[in-house]
Amino acid sequence: MGLKNLFFFKASPSPPSSPPTRTFSDSLMDQNIETARAIISKWELISPSDQTAPLFSNTRQEAKQYLNAVMSLQSTMQHLVALDSSSDTLVQAHFLMQLAMKRLQAEFYRILAQNRDNLHPESVASTDHRSSSVSDDGSDFSDDEFRFAGDSVSTVAMADLKAIAECMVSAGYSEECVKIYILMRKSIVDESLYHFGVERLSSSQIQKMDWEALESKIKSWLNAVKIAVGSLFHGERTLCDYVFGSPERKTAESCFAAICSEGATSLFGFPEKVAKCSKKTPEKMFRTLDLYEAISDNRQQIESIFSSESTFSIRSQVLASQARLGEAVGTMLNNFESAIQKESSKIPMPGGEIHPLTRYVMNYIAFLGDYGDGLAEIVGDWRKNSLPECYYRSPDREGKKGSSEIAERMAWLILVLLCKLDRKAELYKEVALSYLFLANNVQYVVVKVRNTNLGLILGEDWLTKHELKVKEYVSKYDQAS
């Protein structure tokens, strides 16, 4: 039962009565209050700028005594409330509790302020945190909770914060404790994101950027998201769970949400803004896929860190960004396919050489092949092109997740190119040169597929079929010449 807000009512007048007989329990409560008074008064803050020695220092022996006195005082107050909520003894106890909470607030703030570096989320994320909590009966703090010999500064500071938080929350002062914690920790998270290069850009700002400037922002984001998820948010969640994790986990969850939600929303909202606001030109494909894969790679950890109801909006933002990026990739690939079909040069390549379109398209598709996993997640939602399975299906890829979908897309784009090359071959007046042109260009396609990840995607069957086609063109060239 929290004892922060007690209401005292003046008793109704009653006839004089003989003084009540004092019991052993009454004497014990008086003794507890006097013991608490001696310890709490010793550490009373005279003013907010009081420079007395920290309570939590050296062996923590006095800190242990102080917290045990507060817990004993709380137990006494609960007993007094049950007997007589307007007694003078309860008023005195309540006054002492306020003094104690004032001191503990100051200690809590001091530990957080003096250990900004030691309690940086990146450091906390890699620290071994042993259990440190109030004993099961909630009435005593053991020596184990104030260990210091051989422990790191961060571990000791965390144990101190946890002990203070448990005491304040138990006494009904969780609001004051949480307010201090959020104030101090949010500034660390926000500063860290700023140093990582994360900017809070609006959609209009992104829309006005030229591609070179936006690409630079994307590179910064890609570097930042790894550290933010793996260390910053993970470390902050670890610290919140440690300090406020018992007995009421919701305190830790709401605390973490208040500290990280703003920064996380900004971080994970950036890809969605990029996907929505930038033009869907083919050259932006690979950075868009980088953003998509970065979210995919970190998504499981993101969902684990932001797993509570308080951070549902963060998980929703991550899903929204990934969906938008997937849509953008689909649009860009459709635009890329359209650009191949619309290529309109009418000048035959001298001597049947490899056409620039062939080099450009195959280099582009080869880069796409390096994004196999991410692309496989996206292509399942694309429109089907009704390409016969025999054109892209290969036994060595059977059973692989997303393999048939991505193979079909890659095979389709190459087919669009080959159809375009067929039409360009018709520009030659000499039949022999047209076959030489096709042989050279299809050979380039086959070599590019075999020497890149496309070979694994399309498989040996595809390669064999197109190698035979090259031989067929060479044979026809020999016959025509």
Foldseek 3Di string as FASTA:
>chain_A
DADQDADADDDDDDDDDDDDDDDPLNVVLVVLLVQLCVLLVVQFAPDLPDPDDQCQDDQNPSVQSNLLSLLSLLVSLVVVCVVHSNDPSNVSSNVSNVRSLVNLLSNLLVLLVVCVPVLQQLNQLPDDADAAAQPPVNRGHDSVLQDDVPDDPSNNSLSSLQSSCSSCVVNVNNVSSLVSVLVRQLVSLVVLCVVLVQDQDDLVRLLPDDPVVVLVSLVSLLSSLCCCLSGRLSSLLSSLCRRPVPDDNVSSLLSSLSRPVVVLLSSLQVLLSNLPRYDLELVCLVSLLSNLVSLVVRVVSVCVSQVDPSNVVSNVSNVNSNVSSLVSNLVNLVVVLVCLLPDDDLDADPQLAADPSLVVLLVSLLSVLVSQVSVLVRQVPHDDPPDDCLQQDDPVCPPPRSLSRVSRSSSVSVVSNLVSLLVSLVSDPQVLSSLSNSLNSLVVNLVSCVVGSVCVSRDDSNSVVSVVVSVVSVVVSVVSD
